[in-house]
Amino acid sequence: MSASNVWSRSREKIRLFPELFAQCAAEATVYGKCVASTTTGRQELQKDLCAKEFEALKTCFAKAAKKKAK
């Protein structure tokens, strides 16, 4: 596998991100609000506080990517 082939695939995935993100706007908003609400003030984000919201966003991205690949 050549290095240029790896970079081509990576660039293609990055090009698709805005479209996939638009398809998952609701999930991204919920996740963002969770992160923002758990990090008010100087609190640091702790692992698994927004795990449910992150999984919903991750699932949405995966479904959107599969639709786009077809």
C-alpha atoms as a PDB file:
ATOM      1  CA  MET A   1       0.000   0.000   0.000  1.00  0.00           C
ATOM      2  CA  SER A   2       1.532   3.291  -1.033  1.00  0.00           C
ATOM      3  CA  ALA A   3       1.672   6.334   1.194  1.00  0.00           C
ATOM      4  CA  SER A   4      -0.076   8.482  -1.415  1.00  0.00           C
ATOM      5  CA  ASN A   5      -3.024   6.069  -1.455  1.00  0.00           C
ATOM      6  CA  VAL A   6      -3.377   6.352   2.333  1.00  0.00           C
ATOM      7  CA  TRP A   7      -3.359  10.150   2.138  1.00  0.00           C
ATOM      8  CA  SER A   8      -5.902  10.124  -0.689  1.00  0.00           C
ATOM      9  CA  ARG A   9      -8.325   8.083   1.386  1.00  0.00           C
ATOM     10  CA  SER A  10      -7.767  10.342   4.398  1.00  0.00           C
ATOM     11  CA  ARG A  11      -8.398  13.481   2.349  1.00  0.00           C
ATOM     12  CA  GLU A  12     -11.591  11.962   0.955  1.00  0.00           C
ATOM     13  CA  LYS A  13     -12.877  11.234   4.458  1.00  0.00           C
ATOM     14  CA  ILE A  14     -12.086  14.786   5.530  1.00  0.00           C
ATOM     15  CA  ARG A  15     -13.906  16.184   2.485  1.00  0.00           C
ATOM     16  CA  LEU A  16     -17.013  14.207   3.454  1.00  0.00           C
ATOM     17  CA  PHE A  17     -17.035  15.451   7.047  1.00  0.00           C
ATOM     18  CA  PRO A  18     -19.116  18.638   6.504  1.00  0.00           C
ATOM     19  CA  GLU A  19     -21.817  16.677   4.719  1.00  0.00           C
ATOM     20  CA  LEU A  20     -21.878  13.962   7.379  1.00  0.00           C
ATOM     21  CA  PHE A  21     -21.879  16.600  10.105  1.00  0.00           C
ATOM     22  CA  ALA A  22     -24.892  18.308   8.518  1.00  0.00           C
ATOM     23  CA  GLN A  23     -26.786  15.013   8.554  1.00  0.00           C
ATOM     24  CA  CYS A  24     -26.056  14.648  12.282  1.00  0.00           C
ATOM     25  CA  ALA A  25     -26.676  18.228  13.362  1.00  0.00           C
ATOM     26  CA  ALA A  26     -29.223  17.307  16.036  1.00  0.00           C
ATOM     27  CA  GLU A  27     -26.934  14.727  17.645  1.00  0.00           C
ATOM     28  CA  ALA A  28     -23.961  17.098  17.453  1.00  0.00           C
ATOM     29  CA  THR A  29     -25.993  19.821  19.146  1.00  0.00           C
ATOM     30  CA  VAL A  30     -27.032  17.531  21.995  1.00  0.00           C
ATOM     31  CA  TYR A  31     -23.446  16.358  22.493  1.00  0.00           C
ATOM     32  CA  GLY A  32     -22.121  19.922  22.385  1.00  0.00           C
ATOM     33  CA  LYS A  33     -24.663  21.085  24.949  1.00  0.00           C
ATOM     34  CA  CYS A  34     -23.732  18.191  27.220  1.00  0.00           C
ATOM     35  CA  VAL A  35     -20.033  19.034  26.995  1.00  0.00           C
ATOM     36  CA  ALA A  36     -20.723  22.733  27.562  1.00  0.00           C
ATOM     37  CA  SER A  37     -22.951  22.102  30.563  1.00  0.00           C
ATOM     38  CA  THR A  38     -20.483  19.743  32.227  1.00  0.00           C
ATOM     39  CA  THR A  39     -17.551  22.118  31.774  1.00  0.00           C
ATOM     40  CA  THR A  40     -19.039  25.337  33.125  1.00  0.00           C
ATOM     41  CA  GLY A  41     -16.579  27.557  34.909  1.00  0.00           C
ATOM     42  CA  ARG A  42     -13.158  25.978  35.163  1.00  0.00           C
ATOM     43  CA  GLN A  43     -14.316  22.368  35.365  1.00  0.00           C
ATOM     44  CA  GLU A  44     -12.574  19.914  33.092  1.00  0.00           C
ATOM     45  CA  LEU A  45     -14.508  17.453  31.001  1.00  0.00           C
ATOM     46  CA  GLN A  46     -14.428  14.067  32.659  1.00  0.00           C
ATOM     47  CA  LYS A  47     -14.540  10.758  30.859  1.00  0.00           C
ATOM     48  CA  ASP A  48     -17.984   9.232  30.270  1.00  0.00           C
ATOM     49  CA  LEU A  49     -20.025  12.240  31.430  1.00  0.00           C
ATOM     50  CA  CYS A  50     -21.435  12.611  27.907  1.00  0.00           C
ATOM     51  CA  ALA A  51     -20.897   9.023  26.761  1.00  0.00           C
ATOM     52  CA  LYS A  52     -24.539   8.460  25.800  1.00  0.00           C
ATOM     53  CA  GLU A  53     -24.613  11.616  23.678  1.00  0.00           C
ATOM     54  CA  PHE A  54     -21.256  10.787  22.088  1.00  0.00           C
ATOM     55  CA  GLU A  55     -22.417   7.277  21.170  1.00  0.00           C
ATOM     56  CA  ALA A  56     -25.531   8.737  19.523  1.00  0.00           C
ATOM     57  CA  LEU A  57     -23.339  11.108  17.480  1.00  0.00           C
ATOM     58  CA  LYS A  58     -20.897   8.338  16.579  1.00  0.00           C
ATOM     59  CA  THR A  59     -23.749   6.063  15.464  1.00  0.00           C
ATOM     60  CA  CYS A  60     -25.216   8.850  13.356  1.00  0.00           C
ATOM     61  CA  PHE A  61     -21.856   9.493  11.662  1.00  0.00           C
ATOM     62  CA  ALA A  62     -21.437   5.789  10.938  1.00  0.00           C
ATOM     63  CA  LYS A  63     -24.920   5.533   9.402  1.00  0.00           C
ATOM     64  CA  ALA A  64     -24.400   8.699   7.350  1.00  0.00           C
ATOM     65  CA  ALA A  65     -21.035   7.444   6.094  1.00  0.00           C
ATOM     66  CA  LYS A  66     -22.562   4.113   5.044  1.00  0.00           C
ATOM     67  CA  LYS A  67     -25.320   5.914   3.132  1.00  0.00           C
ATOM     68  CA  LYS A  68     -22.727   8.076   1.388  1.00  0.00           C
ATOM     69  CA  ALA A  69     -20.589   5.071   0.462  1.00  0.00           C
ATOM     70  CA  LYS A  70     -23.453   3.415  -1.421  1.00  0.00           C
END
